[in-house]
Amino acid sequence: MALAPAQGGRIASFWRENESGPIDILVPMADAPFPPEAWPKAGCYPLAPFSNRIRDGRFEFGGREIRLPAHPACPPHALHGFSQLRPWSLALCGPAAAVMTYAHTPDAWPWAFTATQTVSLTPEGLTVDLAIRNDDPGSAMPVGLGLHPYLAIAQGDRIRFTATHEWAQDDAGCATASAPLPPGEVRYDRPHGPEGVTRYLSGWDGRAEIARQDGGRVLIAGSGALDQLVFHTPDGGAYACIEPVSHVADAFNLAARDVPATGIRTARPGETVSGSMTLTLE
C-alpha cells in the first residue's frame, strides 16, 4: 500500500503479492503531480463533507443559503466534496496503519470540521475508517461522506451487489426519485462494455463482490454511515468505482424538499459521523 496525504488524502495504490508478482486491487496512481481538480482515475480518495453532486453548488440549511464553487468537470454543480482537493496531514504512520487528517477552516463551506481517515492493513485486506467531526461551536452542520475507490478490473471479471432501491437521475447526474428494484442481485458480467454506467442505490446490504477471471475475489463492504452505494464504470470499463457513501447525489437539496431516505446526516457541535470501507481479498 502507498499513501499520498498531500494529494487529497489519497490511497495511491493497493496490491496483492502472488507467485507471479503483484496484482493491483486499486488502479495505481502515477508518481507525477496533478492539478487538484483534474485528479487521476486511480487510487482511492475520501468524499467529505459530501458525496457526488450538489445541484448548482447551492443548498439551504438552517435558514441560510450555502453557495459552493462549481467543479470544472460538471459546472455549475459542486462535486465530490472538497477535502480531496486539499492537502491532508499524516498524523500517524506505522507498519500496518496510518492516520490522515484534514482540518477545515470555514470558507464557502461555513462550518469548521475535522475529517480523519484511519487506513489499516490486515491479513485479509484493507480497512478505511472515515470520520467527520463538527468543530463549529455554535451550529449544527449537514454531513455527507464516502470513499471513492478505482478498482482494477480485467476482461472476464464479474461484479455483484444487492440493493432494494435505485434513484433515477437527470441529465446533470443529480438524483430525482427512488424506485424499488426487483429482488435479487444486480449483476455486471461485462463491466468492460463500450458504454459506461452510473447508478445510485439505496437499501444496499453493505456488500459487493468482484469475481476475478483469475479465480480470486475482491469483496467490498461498507458499514456505519456508509449504507448507500454509487456504482460507476466508464466507457470501455478501464476500472470500476464501487463507492460506499452515506447519501445519494444532490441529497442536501432533496432533503430540503422533504424527499425521504436521502441519507443526509446532521452533526451537532462536537458530534462525529463515521463509516468504514473494507476491501477483502480471497
Protein backbone atom coordinates (compact mmCIF):
# COMPACT_ATOMS: atom_id res chain seq x y z
CA MET A 1 0.00 0.00 0.00
CA ALA A 2 1.13 3.56 -0.73
CA LEU A 3 -0.45 6.78 0.57
CA ALA A 4 -0.50 10.34 -0.80
CA PRO A 5 -1.76 12.54 2.06
CA ALA A 6 -0.67 15.80 0.40
CA GLN A 7 -2.72 14.90 -2.68
CA GLY A 8 -6.14 14.94 -1.09
CA GLY A 9 -5.68 12.20 1.49
CA ARG A 10 -5.47 9.53 -1.18
CA ILE A 11 -4.55 5.88 -1.06
CA ALA A 12 -2.23 5.85 -4.07
CA SER A 13 -2.03 2.10 -4.55
CA PHE A 14 -3.00 -1.21 -3.00
CA TRP A 15 -1.93 -4.56 -4.36
CA ARG A 16 -1.65 -8.23 -3.55
CA GLU A 17 1.52 -10.26 -3.96
CA ASN A 18 1.35 -13.70 -5.50
CA GLU A 19 3.76 -16.13 -7.13
CA SER A 20 3.74 -14.30 -10.47
CA GLY A 21 4.16 -10.84 -8.93
CA PRO A 22 1.91 -8.06 -7.64
CA ILE A 23 -1.76 -7.86 -8.64
CA ASP A 24 -3.28 -4.40 -8.39
CA ILE A 25 -6.52 -4.18 -6.40
CA LEU A 26 -6.74 -0.40 -6.83
CA VAL A 27 -5.68 1.19 -10.10
CA PRO A 28 -2.26 2.61 -9.10
CA MET A 29 -1.64 6.35 -9.23
CA ALA A 30 1.31 7.57 -11.26
CA ASP A 31 4.08 9.38 -9.41
CA ALA A 32 3.66 12.58 -11.45
CA PRO A 33 1.90 15.51 -9.73
CA PHE A 34 -1.54 16.53 -10.93
CA PRO A 35 -3.84 19.57 -10.61
CA PRO A 36 -6.23 19.03 -7.69
CA GLU A 37 -9.34 19.43 -9.86
CA ALA A 38 -8.08 17.07 -12.59
CA TRP A 39 -7.26 14.05 -10.46
CA PRO A 40 -6.17 10.72 -11.96
CA LYS A 41 -8.73 7.94 -12.21
CA ALA A 42 -6.74 5.85 -9.76
CA GLY A 43 -6.26 5.05 -6.10
CA CYS A 44 -8.96 5.89 -3.57
CA TYR A 45 -9.95 9.23 -2.11
CA PRO A 46 -12.29 10.47 0.65
CA LEU A 47 -15.60 12.16 -0.07
CA ALA A 48 -16.10 14.85 2.56
CA PRO A 49 -18.15 16.73 3.64
CA PHE A 50 -20.44 15.45 0.89
CA SER A 51 -20.54 12.83 -1.84
CA ASN A 52 -21.23 13.31 -5.53
CA ARG A 53 -23.14 16.35 -6.82
CA ILE A 54 -24.84 19.36 -5.28
CA ARG A 55 -27.05 20.89 -7.93
CA ASP A 56 -25.81 24.35 -8.99
CA GLY A 57 -23.48 24.28 -5.97
CA ARG A 58 -26.34 25.56 -3.80
CA PHE A 59 -28.47 24.30 -0.94
CA GLU A 60 -30.29 25.68 2.08
CA PHE A 61 -29.63 24.62 5.65
CA GLY A 62 -30.70 26.19 8.92
CA GLY A 63 -32.38 29.09 7.18
CA ARG A 64 -29.42 30.20 5.07
CA GLU A 65 -28.32 29.54 1.53
CA ILE A 66 -24.93 27.90 1.01
CA ARG A 67 -23.13 28.51 -2.28
CA LEU A 68 -20.18 26.31 -3.20
CA PRO A 69 -17.74 26.61 -6.12
CA ALA A 70 -18.63 24.68 -9.25
CA HIS A 71 -16.38 21.82 -10.24
CA PRO A 72 -14.79 22.24 -13.69
CA ALA A 73 -15.83 18.71 -14.68
CA CYS A 74 -19.55 19.37 -14.19
CA PRO A 75 -20.37 23.09 -13.96
CA PRO A 76 -22.42 24.61 -12.44
CA HIS A 77 -22.56 21.79 -9.87
CA ALA A 78 -20.31 21.06 -6.89
CA LEU A 79 -18.79 17.58 -6.94
CA HIS A 80 -17.34 15.02 -4.50
CA GLY A 81 -16.75 17.34 -1.57
CA PHE A 82 -13.61 19.42 -1.45
CA SER A 83 -11.37 17.72 1.09
CA GLN A 84 -9.88 15.58 -1.68
CA LEU A 85 -8.78 18.80 -3.43
CA ARG A 86 -6.70 19.88 -0.43
CA PRO A 87 -3.67 18.53 1.43
CA TRP A 88 -4.16 16.24 4.40
CA SER A 89 -1.72 15.76 7.26
CA LEU A 90 -0.14 12.43 8.11
CA ALA A 91 -0.83 12.18 11.83
CA LEU A 92 0.42 8.62 12.29
CA CYS A 93 2.28 6.13 10.12
CA GLY A 94 3.14 2.61 11.23
CA PRO A 95 3.86 -0.71 9.50
CA ALA A 96 0.18 -1.69 9.35
CA ALA A 97 -1.81 1.52 9.93
CA ALA A 98 -1.78 5.22 9.14
CA VAL A 99 -3.94 8.19 10.10
CA MET A 100 -4.54 11.16 7.79
CA THR A 101 -6.41 14.28 8.89
CA TYR A 102 -7.90 17.36 7.28
CA ALA A 103 -8.94 20.36 9.43
CA HIS A 104 -11.35 22.67 7.62
CA THR A 105 -11.40 26.40 8.23
CA PRO A 106 -14.76 27.94 7.25
CA ASP A 107 -14.95 29.43 3.75
CA ALA A 108 -17.74 28.86 1.22
CA TRP A 109 -18.49 25.85 3.43
CA PRO A 110 -19.20 27.88 6.56
CA TRP A 111 -18.64 25.20 9.23
CA ALA A 112 -15.35 24.15 10.78
CA PHE A 113 -14.81 20.40 10.84
CA THR A 114 -12.09 17.77 11.11
CA ALA A 115 -12.01 14.75 8.82
CA THR A 116 -9.97 11.72 9.85
CA GLN A 117 -9.05 8.67 7.80
CA THR A 118 -7.57 5.63 9.51
CA VAL A 119 -6.15 3.19 6.97
CA SER A 120 -5.33 -0.29 8.27
CA LEU A 121 -3.76 -3.31 6.62
CA THR A 122 -4.98 -6.71 7.78
CA PRO A 123 -4.06 -10.24 6.70
CA GLU A 124 -7.29 -10.27 4.68
CA GLY A 125 -7.02 -6.85 3.03
CA LEU A 126 -7.56 -3.17 3.83
CA THR A 127 -9.92 -1.15 6.04
CA VAL A 128 -10.54 2.59 5.79
CA ASP A 129 -12.38 4.32 8.65
CA LEU A 130 -13.58 7.82 7.74
CA ALA A 131 -14.96 10.24 10.34
CA ILE A 132 -16.13 13.86 10.23
CA ARG A 133 -16.42 15.89 13.45
CA ASN A 134 -18.33 19.16 13.54
CA ASP A 135 -15.96 21.67 15.13
CA ASP A 136 -18.32 24.63 14.80
CA PRO A 137 -19.13 25.66 18.39
CA GLY A 138 -22.49 27.20 17.65
CA SER A 139 -24.15 25.49 14.71
CA ALA A 140 -25.24 22.08 13.53
CA MET A 141 -23.72 21.01 10.21
CA PRO A 142 -25.07 18.84 7.39
CA VAL A 143 -22.76 15.89 6.82
CA GLY A 144 -22.13 13.53 3.97
CA LEU A 145 -19.18 11.22 3.46
CA GLY A 146 -17.94 8.30 1.44
CA LEU A 147 -14.98 6.62 -0.21
CA HIS A 148 -14.21 6.59 -3.93
CA PRO A 149 -12.03 3.62 -4.93
CA TYR A 150 -10.92 2.99 -8.51
CA LEU A 151 -10.90 -0.79 -8.53
CA ALA A 152 -8.82 -2.60 -11.13
CA ILE A 153 -10.87 -4.92 -13.33
CA ALA A 154 -9.98 -7.19 -16.24
CA GLN A 155 -11.82 -8.86 -19.09
CA GLY A 156 -13.88 -11.70 -17.64
CA ASP A 157 -14.35 -10.14 -14.19
CA ARG A 158 -17.91 -10.15 -12.84
CA ILE A 159 -19.46 -7.68 -10.38
CA ARG A 160 -22.31 -8.40 -7.93
CA PHE A 161 -24.17 -6.39 -5.30
CA THR A 162 -27.65 -6.20 -3.77
CA ALA A 163 -29.85 -3.16 -3.12
CA THR A 164 -33.55 -2.57 -2.66
CA HIS A 165 -33.95 0.81 -4.42
CA GLU A 166 -32.40 2.76 -7.28
CA TRP A 167 -32.55 6.53 -7.80
CA ALA A 168 -33.46 7.94 -11.18
CA GLN A 169 -31.16 10.73 -12.31
CA ASP A 170 -31.45 13.66 -14.67
CA ASP A 171 -29.05 14.79 -17.40
CA ALA A 172 -26.97 16.62 -14.79
CA GLY A 173 -26.32 13.38 -12.88
CA CYS A 174 -28.43 14.51 -9.92
CA ALA A 175 -30.82 12.05 -8.29
CA THR A 176 -34.52 12.79 -8.62
CA ALA A 177 -36.60 9.96 -7.08
CA SER A 178 -36.12 6.38 -5.91
CA ALA A 179 -37.98 3.27 -7.02
CA PRO A 180 -37.86 -0.35 -5.80
CA LEU A 181 -35.59 -2.80 -7.57
CA PRO A 182 -36.66 -6.37 -8.32
CA PRO A 183 -35.47 -8.77 -5.62
CA GLY A 184 -32.08 -10.37 -6.16
CA GLU A 185 -28.55 -9.42 -7.09
CA VAL A 186 -27.52 -6.71 -9.51
CA ARG A 187 -25.02 -8.34 -11.87
CA TYR A 188 -22.48 -6.99 -14.32
CA ASP A 189 -20.87 -9.80 -16.27
CA ARG A 190 -19.29 -7.45 -18.82
CA PRO A 191 -18.06 -4.36 -16.97
CA HIS A 192 -15.68 -3.73 -19.89
CA GLY A 193 -18.59 -2.92 -22.20
CA PRO A 194 -18.33 0.04 -24.60
CA GLU A 195 -20.85 2.14 -22.67
CA GLY A 196 -20.26 3.22 -19.09
CA VAL A 197 -22.87 3.22 -16.36
CA THR A 198 -23.57 5.21 -13.20
CA ARG A 199 -26.15 4.04 -10.67
CA TYR A 200 -27.26 5.42 -7.29
CA LEU A 201 -28.54 2.71 -4.94
CA SER A 202 -30.22 2.67 -1.54
CA GLY A 203 -31.09 -0.26 0.66
CA TRP A 204 -27.64 -1.63 -0.06
CA ASP A 205 -26.83 -4.65 2.07
CA GLY A 206 -23.26 -3.43 2.64
CA ARG A 207 -21.52 -5.95 0.39
CA ALA A 208 -20.30 -6.06 -3.20
CA GLU A 209 -18.06 -8.52 -5.00
CA ILE A 210 -15.69 -8.57 -7.93
CA ALA A 211 -15.25 -12.18 -9.05
CA ARG A 212 -11.95 -12.05 -10.91
CA GLN A 213 -11.28 -14.07 -14.02
CA ASP A 214 -8.16 -15.48 -12.32
CA GLY A 215 -10.38 -17.17 -9.70
CA GLY A 216 -9.83 -14.66 -6.91
CA ARG A 217 -12.42 -12.36 -5.36
CA VAL A 218 -12.39 -8.82 -4.06
CA LEU A 219 -15.12 -8.13 -1.50
CA ILE A 220 -16.12 -4.52 -0.85
CA ALA A 221 -18.02 -3.81 2.37
CA GLY A 222 -19.49 -0.64 3.82
CA SER A 223 -20.59 -0.06 7.41
CA GLY A 224 -21.63 2.70 9.78
CA ALA A 225 -22.94 5.72 7.89
CA LEU A 226 -21.81 4.27 4.54
CA ASP A 227 -25.06 2.46 3.82
CA GLN A 228 -25.70 3.63 0.26
CA LEU A 229 -23.82 2.78 -2.92
CA VAL A 230 -22.67 4.53 -6.07
CA PHE A 231 -21.64 2.19 -8.88
CA HIS A 232 -19.76 3.59 -11.87
CA THR A 233 -17.81 2.24 -14.82
CA PRO A 234 -16.56 4.48 -17.65
CA ASP A 235 -16.95 3.84 -21.35
CA GLY A 236 -14.70 0.88 -22.09
CA GLY A 237 -14.57 -0.23 -18.46
CA ALA A 238 -10.98 0.62 -17.57
CA TYR A 239 -11.92 0.45 -13.87
CA ALA A 240 -14.93 0.06 -11.58
CA CYS A 241 -15.91 2.52 -8.85
CA ILE A 242 -17.91 0.76 -6.15
CA GLU A 243 -18.35 3.63 -3.70
CA PRO A 244 -19.78 3.18 -0.20
CA VAL A 245 -21.41 6.52 0.61
CA SER A 246 -23.79 7.97 3.18
CA HIS A 247 -26.21 9.71 0.83
CA VAL A 248 -27.50 9.97 -2.71
CA ALA A 249 -26.38 12.62 -5.23
CA ASP A 250 -27.87 16.07 -4.51
CA ALA A 251 -29.20 14.79 -1.20
CA PHE A 252 -28.98 18.19 0.52
CA ASN A 253 -31.48 19.70 -1.92
CA LEU A 254 -33.69 16.61 -1.99
CA ALA A 255 -33.87 16.57 1.81
CA ALA A 256 -34.78 20.27 1.85
CA ARG A 257 -37.82 19.31 -0.25
CA ASP A 258 -38.71 16.58 2.27
CA VAL A 259 -37.74 13.74 -0.09
CA PRO A 260 -37.26 10.73 2.24
CA ALA A 261 -34.33 8.33 2.57
CA THR A 262 -31.67 10.61 1.05
CA GLY A 263 -29.14 9.63 3.72
CA ILE A 264 -28.23 13.13 4.89
CA ARG A 265 -26.97 13.36 8.48
CA THR A 266 -26.81 16.38 10.76
CA ALA A 267 -23.96 16.70 13.26
CA ARG A 268 -24.41 18.87 16.32
CA PRO A 269 -21.40 20.84 17.61
CA GLY A 270 -18.74 18.33 18.63
CA GLU A 271 -20.61 15.38 17.13
CA THR A 272 -18.95 12.89 14.76
CA VAL A 273 -20.39 10.96 11.82
CA SER A 274 -18.36 7.97 10.65
CA GLY A 275 -18.31 4.96 8.39
CA SER A 276 -15.94 2.31 7.10
CA MET A 277 -14.99 0.54 3.89
CA THR A 278 -13.23 -2.82 3.86
CA LEU A 279 -11.55 -4.47 0.88
CA THR A 280 -11.10 -8.19 1.47
CA LEU A 281 -9.05 -10.39 -0.84
CA GLU A 282 -9.92 -14.04 -1.35
